[in-house]
Amino acid sequence: MDAFDRAQALELEEYERRQRAAILPNTLTESAIECVECETPIPEARRLAVPGVQLCITCQTRLELVRKINGERHGG
């Protein structure tokens, strides 16, 4: 792994850490009205379905794709 790959991996890890903190459903935390990543309004139905939600569907999907790709690259 060269320096660019290491820097990219560290950046991805930091991104995932921030997102994990934002998306972990937590009934003690109120759902966000707007996505913490892109500031798009989160529909009421999503806020009710996922207590503590912090990401819109688009950002949630993007995060899950990044995790899947990262897991495949690292044998996961």
PDB file of N, CA and C in Angstrom:
ATOM      1  N   MET A   1       0.851  -1.166   0.000  1.00  0.00           N
ATOM      2  CA  MET A   1       0.000   0.000   0.000  1.00  0.00           C
ATOM      3  C   MET A   1       0.905   1.240   0.000  1.00  0.00           C
ATOM      4  N   ASP A   2       0.706   2.105  -0.999  1.00  0.00           N
ATOM      5  CA  ASP A   2       1.540   3.307  -1.063  1.00  0.00           C
ATOM      6  C   ASP A   2       0.952   4.418  -0.177  1.00  0.00           C
ATOM      7  N   ALA A   3       1.661   5.544  -0.126  1.00  0.00           N
ATOM      8  CA  ALA A   3       1.265   6.638   0.756  1.00  0.00           C
ATOM      9  C   ALA A   3      -0.116   7.179   0.401  1.00  0.00           C
ATOM     10  N   PHE A   4      -0.428   7.260  -0.899  1.00  0.00           N
ATOM     11  CA  PHE A   4      -1.735   7.750  -1.320  1.00  0.00           C
ATOM     12  C   PHE A   4      -2.835   6.824  -0.818  1.00  0.00           C
ATOM     13  N   ASP A   5      -2.644   5.518  -0.962  1.00  0.00           N
ATOM     14  CA  ASP A   5      -3.634   4.549  -0.502  1.00  0.00           C
ATOM     15  C   ASP A   5      -3.824   4.633   1.011  1.00  0.00           C
ATOM     16  N   ARG A   6      -2.731   4.800   1.746  1.00  0.00           N
ATOM     17  CA  ARG A   6      -2.833   4.924   3.204  1.00  0.00           C
ATOM     18  C   ARG A   6      -3.599   6.186   3.586  1.00  0.00           C
ATOM     19  N   ALA A   7      -3.291   7.296   2.935  1.00  0.00           N
ATOM     20  CA  ALA A   7      -3.991   8.552   3.225  1.00  0.00           C
ATOM     21  C   ALA A   7      -5.470   8.421   2.891  1.00  0.00           C
ATOM     22  N   GLN A   8      -5.761   7.783   1.783  1.00  0.00           N
ATOM     23  CA  GLN A   8      -7.156   7.586   1.383  1.00  0.00           C
ATOM     24  C   GLN A   8      -7.877   6.678   2.395  1.00  0.00           C
ATOM     25  N   ALA A   9      -7.220   5.634   2.858  1.00  0.00           N
ATOM     26  CA  ALA A   9      -7.816   4.727   3.840  1.00  0.00           C
ATOM     27  C   ALA A   9      -8.083   5.460   5.153  1.00  0.00           C
ATOM     28  N   LEU A  10      -7.145   6.305   5.591  1.00  0.00           N
ATOM     29  CA  LEU A  10      -7.342   7.069   6.825  1.00  0.00           C
ATOM     30  C   LEU A  10      -8.496   8.052   6.686  1.00  0.00           C
ATOM     31  N   GLU A  11      -8.591   8.685   5.534  1.00  0.00           N
ATOM     32  CA  GLU A  11      -9.686   9.617   5.277  1.00  0.00           C
ATOM     33  C   GLU A  11     -11.032   8.885   5.316  1.00  0.00           C
ATOM     34  N   LEU A  12     -11.077   7.713   4.713  1.00  0.00           N
ATOM     35  CA  LEU A  12     -12.292   6.913   4.710  1.00  0.00           C
ATOM     36  C   LEU A  12     -12.660   6.481   6.129  1.00  0.00           C
ATOM     37  N   GLU A  13     -11.677   6.063   6.906  1.00  0.00           N
ATOM     38  CA  GLU A  13     -11.941   5.666   8.289  1.00  0.00           C
ATOM     39  C   GLU A  13     -12.524   6.822   9.096  1.00  0.00           C
ATOM     40  N   GLU A  14     -11.984   8.015   8.911  1.00  0.00           N
ATOM     41  CA  GLU A  14     -12.488   9.183   9.630  1.00  0.00           C
ATOM     42  C   GLU A  14     -13.920   9.496   9.187  1.00  0.00           C
ATOM     43  N   TYR A  15     -14.182   9.425   7.891  1.00  0.00           N
ATOM     44  CA  TYR A  15     -15.521   9.652   7.364  1.00  0.00           C
ATOM     45  C   TYR A  15     -16.498   8.651   7.974  1.00  0.00           C
ATOM     46  N   GLU A  16     -16.108   7.380   7.972  1.00  0.00           N
ATOM     47  CA  GLU A  16     -16.981   6.348   8.530  1.00  0.00           C
ATOM     48  C   GLU A  16     -17.208   6.555  10.022  1.00  0.00           C
ATOM     49  N   ARG A  17     -16.191   6.964  10.744  1.00  0.00           N
ATOM     50  CA  ARG A  17     -16.339   7.209  12.185  1.00  0.00           C
ATOM     51  C   ARG A  17     -17.372   8.309  12.439  1.00  0.00           C
ATOM     52  N   ARG A  18     -17.275   9.401  11.682  1.00  0.00           N
ATOM     53  CA  ARG A  18     -18.228  10.493  11.846  1.00  0.00           C
ATOM     54  C   ARG A  18     -19.637  10.044  11.483  1.00  0.00           C
ATOM     55  N   GLN A  19     -19.749   9.283  10.401  1.00  0.00           N
ATOM     56  CA  GLN A  19     -21.056   8.829   9.969  1.00  0.00           C
ATOM     57  C   GLN A  19     -21.666   7.825  10.944  1.00  0.00           C
ATOM     58  N   ARG A  20     -20.840   6.932  11.472  1.00  0.00           N
ATOM     59  CA  ARG A  20     -21.326   5.959  12.453  1.00  0.00           C
ATOM     60  C   ARG A  20     -21.921   6.686  13.654  1.00  0.00           C
ATOM     61  N   ALA A  21     -21.238   7.700  14.096  1.00  0.00           N
ATOM     62  CA  ALA A  21     -21.733   8.466  15.236  1.00  0.00           C
ATOM     63  C   ALA A  21     -23.054   9.153  14.891  1.00  0.00           C
ATOM     64  N   ALA A  22     -23.204   9.536  13.632  1.00  0.00           N
ATOM     65  CA  ALA A  22     -24.407  10.244  13.217  1.00  0.00           C
ATOM     66  C   ALA A  22     -25.586   9.318  12.958  1.00  0.00           C
ATOM     67  N   ILE A  23     -25.347   8.069  12.549  1.00  0.00           N
ATOM     68  CA  ILE A  23     -26.455   7.241  12.102  1.00  0.00           C
ATOM     69  C   ILE A  23     -26.907   6.175  13.083  1.00  0.00           C
ATOM     70  N   LEU A  24     -26.130   5.941  14.113  1.00  0.00           N
ATOM     71  CA  LEU A  24     -26.553   4.909  15.052  1.00  0.00           C
ATOM     72  C   LEU A  24     -27.907   5.279  15.636  1.00  0.00           C
ATOM     73  N   PRO A  25     -28.931   4.476  15.335  1.00  0.00           N
ATOM     74  CA  PRO A  25     -30.234   4.796  15.910  1.00  0.00           C
ATOM     75  C   PRO A  25     -30.147   4.803  17.436  1.00  0.00           C
ATOM     76  N   ASN A  26     -30.635   5.844  18.003  1.00  0.00           N
ATOM     77  CA  ASN A  26     -30.570   6.007  19.447  1.00  0.00           C
ATOM     78  C   ASN A  26     -31.873   6.653  19.896  1.00  0.00           C
ATOM     79  N   THR A  27     -32.700   5.886  20.540  1.00  0.00           N
ATOM     80  CA  THR A  27     -33.998   6.407  20.943  1.00  0.00           C
ATOM     81  C   THR A  27     -33.875   7.546  21.946  1.00  0.00           C
ATOM     82  N   LEU A  28     -32.695   7.723  22.539  1.00  0.00           N
ATOM     83  CA  LEU A  28     -32.491   8.835  23.452  1.00  0.00           C
ATOM     84  C   LEU A  28     -32.144  10.123  22.715  1.00  0.00           C
ATOM     85  N   THR A  29     -31.788   9.986  21.437  1.00  0.00           N
ATOM     86  CA  THR A  29     -31.428  11.128  20.611  1.00  0.00           C
ATOM     87  C   THR A  29     -32.580  11.430  19.669  1.00  0.00           C
ATOM     88  N   GLU A  30     -32.940  12.672  19.579  1.00  0.00           N
ATOM     89  CA  GLU A  30     -33.989  13.045  18.641  1.00  0.00           C
ATOM     90  C   GLU A  30     -33.494  12.898  17.220  1.00  0.00           C
ATOM     91  N   SER A  31     -34.396  12.535  16.329  1.00  0.00           N
ATOM     92  CA  SER A  31     -34.058  12.471  14.914  1.00  0.00           C
ATOM     93  C   SER A  31     -33.791  13.889  14.420  1.00  0.00           C
ATOM     94  N   ALA A  32     -32.864  13.997  13.499  1.00  0.00           N
ATOM     95  CA  ALA A  32     -32.557  15.289  12.904  1.00  0.00           C
ATOM     96  C   ALA A  32     -33.667  15.672  11.920  1.00  0.00           C
ATOM     97  N   ILE A  33     -33.948  16.933  11.821  1.00  0.00           N
ATOM     98  CA  ILE A  33     -34.916  17.433  10.847  1.00  0.00           C
ATOM     99  C   ILE A  33     -34.251  17.491   9.473  1.00  0.00           C
ATOM    100  N   GLU A  34     -32.959  17.813   9.482  1.00  0.00           N
ATOM    101  CA  GLU A  34     -32.160  17.864   8.253  1.00  0.00           C
ATOM    102  C   GLU A  34     -30.991  16.903   8.384  1.00  0.00           C
ATOM    103  N   CYS A  35     -30.563  16.350   7.248  1.00  0.00           N
ATOM    104  CA  CYS A  35     -29.416  15.443   7.199  1.00  0.00           C
ATOM    105  C   CYS A  35     -28.170  16.164   7.708  1.00  0.00           C
ATOM    106  N   VAL A  36     -27.431  15.517   8.602  1.00  0.00           N
ATOM    107  CA  VAL A  36     -26.220  16.135   9.144  1.00  0.00           C
ATOM    108  C   VAL A  36     -25.106  16.213   8.110  1.00  0.00           C
ATOM    109  N   GLU A  37     -25.233  15.463   7.036  1.00  0.00           N
ATOM    110  CA  GLU A  37     -24.204  15.458   6.000  1.00  0.00           C
ATOM    111  C   GLU A  37     -24.483  16.491   4.906  1.00  0.00           C
ATOM    112  N   CYS A  38     -25.713  16.507   4.357  1.00  0.00           N
ATOM    113  CA  CYS A  38     -26.002  17.356   3.194  1.00  0.00           C
ATOM    114  C   CYS A  38     -27.069  18.413   3.446  1.00  0.00           C
ATOM    115  N   GLU A  39     -27.649  18.406   4.639  1.00  0.00           N
ATOM    116  CA  GLU A  39     -28.655  19.377   5.062  1.00  0.00           C
ATOM    117  C   GLU A  39     -29.986  19.268   4.307  1.00  0.00           C
ATOM    118  N   THR A  40     -30.219  18.147   3.638  1.00  0.00           N
ATOM    119  CA  THR A  40     -31.502  17.890   2.987  1.00  0.00           C
ATOM    120  C   THR A  40     -32.528  17.561   4.071  1.00  0.00           C
ATOM    121  N   PRO A  41     -33.751  18.067   3.944  1.00  0.00           N
ATOM    122  CA  PRO A  41     -34.770  17.710   4.942  1.00  0.00           C
ATOM    123  C   PRO A  41     -34.998  16.195   4.987  1.00  0.00           C
ATOM    124  N   ILE A  42     -35.132  15.659   6.195  1.00  0.00           N
ATOM    125  CA  ILE A  42     -35.431  14.237   6.382  1.00  0.00           C
ATOM    126  C   ILE A  42     -36.943  14.126   6.552  1.00  0.00           C
ATOM    127  N   PRO A  43     -37.604  13.349   5.683  1.00  0.00           N
ATOM    128  CA  PRO A  43     -39.063  13.232   5.775  1.00  0.00           C
ATOM    129  C   PRO A  43     -39.519  12.709   7.144  1.00  0.00           C
ATOM    130  N   GLU A  44     -40.672  13.170   7.568  1.00  0.00           N
ATOM    131  CA  GLU A  44     -41.207  12.772   8.868  1.00  0.00           C
ATOM    132  C   GLU A  44     -41.358  11.255   8.969  1.00  0.00           C
ATOM    133  N   ALA A  45     -41.787  10.615   7.884  1.00  0.00           N
ATOM    134  CA  ALA A  45     -41.960   9.157   7.908  1.00  0.00           C
ATOM    135  C   ALA A  45     -40.644   8.461   8.242  1.00  0.00           C
ATOM    136  N   ARG A  46     -39.524   8.957   7.694  1.00  0.00           N
ATOM    137  CA  ARG A  46     -38.214   8.358   7.993  1.00  0.00           C
ATOM    138  C   ARG A  46     -37.839   8.618   9.447  1.00  0.00           C
ATOM    139  N   ARG A  47     -38.091   9.814   9.926  1.00  0.00           N
ATOM    140  CA  ARG A  47     -37.760  10.140  11.322  1.00  0.00           C
ATOM    141  C   ARG A  47     -38.544   9.268  12.296  1.00  0.00           C
ATOM    142  N   LEU A  48     -39.776   8.949  11.945  1.00  0.00           N
ATOM    143  CA  LEU A  48     -40.589   8.097  12.801  1.00  0.00           C
ATOM    144  C   LEU A  48     -40.174   6.633  12.698  1.00  0.00           C
ATOM    145  N   ALA A  49     -39.788   6.210  11.504  1.00  0.00           N
ATOM    146  CA  ALA A  49     -39.419   4.807  11.279  1.00  0.00           C
ATOM    147  C   ALA A  49     -38.061   4.463  11.876  1.00  0.00           C
ATOM    148  N   VAL A  50     -37.148   5.440  11.924  1.00  0.00           N
ATOM    149  CA  VAL A  50     -35.783   5.197  12.408  1.00  0.00           C
ATOM    150  C   VAL A  50     -35.489   6.211  13.520  1.00  0.00           C
ATOM    151  N   PRO A  51     -35.868   5.890  14.745  1.00  0.00           N
ATOM    152  CA  PRO A  51     -35.622   6.824  15.848  1.00  0.00           C
ATOM    153  C   PRO A  51     -34.141   7.205  15.943  1.00  0.00           C
ATOM    154  N   GLY A  52     -33.891   8.495  16.051  1.00  0.00           N
ATOM    155  CA  GLY A  52     -32.523   8.968  16.160  1.00  0.00           C
ATOM    156  C   GLY A  52     -31.816   9.134  14.826  1.00  0.00           C
ATOM    157  N   VAL A  53     -32.535   8.988  13.723  1.00  0.00           N
ATOM    158  CA  VAL A  53     -31.914   9.079  12.402  1.00  0.00           C
ATOM    159  C   VAL A  53     -31.261  10.450  12.219  1.00  0.00           C
ATOM    160  N   GLN A  54     -30.093  10.439  11.582  1.00  0.00           N
ATOM    161  CA  GLN A  54     -29.344  11.676  11.360  1.00  0.00           C
ATOM    162  C   GLN A  54     -29.012  11.915   9.892  1.00  0.00           C
ATOM    163  N   LEU A  55     -29.206  10.886   9.045  1.00  0.00           N
ATOM    164  CA  LEU A  55     -28.868  10.990   7.624  1.00  0.00           C
ATOM    165  C   LEU A  55     -30.096  10.790   6.756  1.00  0.00           C
ATOM    166  N   CYS A  56     -30.139  11.499   5.620  1.00  0.00           N
ATOM    167  CA  CYS A  56     -31.186  11.261   4.630  1.00  0.00           C
ATOM    168  C   CYS A  56     -30.917   9.913   3.953  1.00  0.00           C
ATOM    169  N   ILE A  57     -31.866   9.445   3.193  1.00  0.00           N
ATOM    170  CA  ILE A  57     -31.719   8.147   2.534  1.00  0.00           C
ATOM    171  C   ILE A  57     -30.521   8.149   1.588  1.00  0.00           C
ATOM    172  N   THR A  58     -30.322   9.234   0.852  1.00  0.00           N
ATOM    173  CA  THR A  58     -29.205   9.302  -0.099  1.00  0.00           C
ATOM    174  C   THR A  58     -27.864   9.169   0.615  1.00  0.00           C
ATOM    175  N   CYS A  59     -27.668   9.919   1.680  1.00  0.00           N
ATOM    176  CA  CYS A  59     -26.397   9.852   2.414  1.00  0.00           C
ATOM    177  C   CYS A  59     -26.232   8.505   3.113  1.00  0.00           C
ATOM    178  N   GLN A  60     -27.319   7.940   3.630  1.00  0.00           N
ATOM    179  CA  GLN A  60     -27.263   6.623   4.252  1.00  0.00           C
ATOM    180  C   GLN A  60     -26.848   5.570   3.230  1.00  0.00           C
ATOM    181  N   THR A  61     -27.442   5.638   2.045  1.00  0.00           N
ATOM    182  CA  THR A  61     -27.111   4.688   0.979  1.00  0.00           C
ATOM    183  C   THR A  61     -25.651   4.827   0.572  1.00  0.00           C
ATOM    184  N   ARG A  62     -25.190   6.069   0.426  1.00  0.00           N
ATOM    185  CA  ARG A  62     -23.794   6.324   0.053  1.00  0.00           C
ATOM    186  C   ARG A  62     -22.850   5.728   1.089  1.00  0.00           C
ATOM    187  N   LEU A  63     -23.162   5.933   2.368  1.00  0.00           N
ATOM    188  CA  LEU A  63     -22.327   5.404   3.436  1.00  0.00           C
ATOM    189  C   LEU A  63     -22.275   3.882   3.383  1.00  0.00           C
ATOM    190  N   GLU A  64     -23.419   3.252   3.177  1.00  0.00           N
ATOM    191  CA  GLU A  64     -23.451   1.793   3.115  1.00  0.00           C
ATOM    192  C   GLU A  64     -22.665   1.261   1.927  1.00  0.00           C
ATOM    193  N   LEU A  65     -22.717   1.951   0.786  1.00  0.00           N
ATOM    194  CA  LEU A  65     -21.926   1.544  -0.382  1.00  0.00           C
ATOM    195  C   LEU A  65     -20.433   1.671  -0.107  1.00  0.00           C
ATOM    196  N   VAL A  66     -20.039   2.768   0.524  1.00  0.00           N
ATOM    197  CA  VAL A  66     -18.630   2.976   0.858  1.00  0.00           C
ATOM    198  C   VAL A  66     -18.157   1.868   1.793  1.00  0.00           C
ATOM    199  N   ARG A  67     -18.963   1.539   2.779  1.00  0.00           N
ATOM    200  CA  ARG A  67     -18.598   0.468   3.709  1.00  0.00           C
ATOM    201  C   ARG A  67     -18.465  -0.872   2.979  1.00  0.00           C
ATOM    202  N   LYS A  68     -19.397  -1.137   2.070  1.00  0.00           N
ATOM    203  CA  LYS A  68     -19.355  -2.402   1.333  1.00  0.00           C
ATOM    204  C   LYS A  68     -18.094  -2.471   0.475  1.00  0.00           C
ATOM    205  N   ILE A  69     -17.814  -1.405  -0.254  1.00  0.00           N
ATOM    206  CA  ILE A  69     -16.621  -1.372  -1.112  1.00  0.00           C
ATOM    207  C   ILE A  69     -15.369  -1.491  -0.266  1.00  0.00           C
ATOM    208  N   ASN A  70     -15.306  -0.764   0.838  1.00  0.00           N
ATOM    209  CA  ASN A  70     -14.137  -0.813   1.714  1.00  0.00           C
ATOM    210  C   ASN A  70     -13.965  -2.199   2.294  1.00  0.00           C
ATOM    211  N   GLY A  71     -15.046  -2.850   2.676  1.00  0.00           N
ATOM    212  CA  GLY A  71     -14.976  -4.200   3.209  1.00  0.00           C
ATOM    213  C   GLY A  71     -14.483  -5.193   2.193  1.00  0.00           C
ATOM    214  N   GLU A  72     -14.910  -5.047   0.933  1.00  0.00           N
ATOM    215  CA  GLU A  72     -14.466  -5.944  -0.135  1.00  0.00           C
ATOM    216  C   GLU A  72     -12.972  -5.768  -0.418  1.00  0.00           C
ATOM    217  N   ARG A  73     -12.490  -4.535  -0.324  1.00  0.00           N
ATOM    218  CA  ARG A  73     -11.070  -4.272  -0.574  1.00  0.00           C
ATOM    219  C   ARG A  73     -10.187  -4.862   0.509  1.00  0.00           C
ATOM    220  N   HIS A  74     -10.733  -4.966   1.711  1.00  0.00           N
ATOM    221  CA  HIS A  74      -9.937  -5.449   2.846  1.00  0.00           C
ATOM    222  C   HIS A  74     -10.325  -6.861   3.249  1.00  0.00           C
ATOM    223  N   GLY A  75     -10.904  -7.600   2.299  1.00  0.00           N
ATOM    224  CA  GLY A  75     -11.210  -9.000   2.543  1.00  0.00           C
ATOM    225  C   GLY A  75     -12.382  -9.256   3.450  1.00  0.00           C
ATOM    226  N   GLY A  76     -13.250  -8.242   3.615  1.00  0.00           N
ATOM    227  CA  GLY A  76     -14.380  -8.363   4.528  1.00  0.00           C
ATOM    228  C   GLY A  76     -15.615  -8.833   3.919  1.00  0.00           C
TER     229      GLY A  76
END
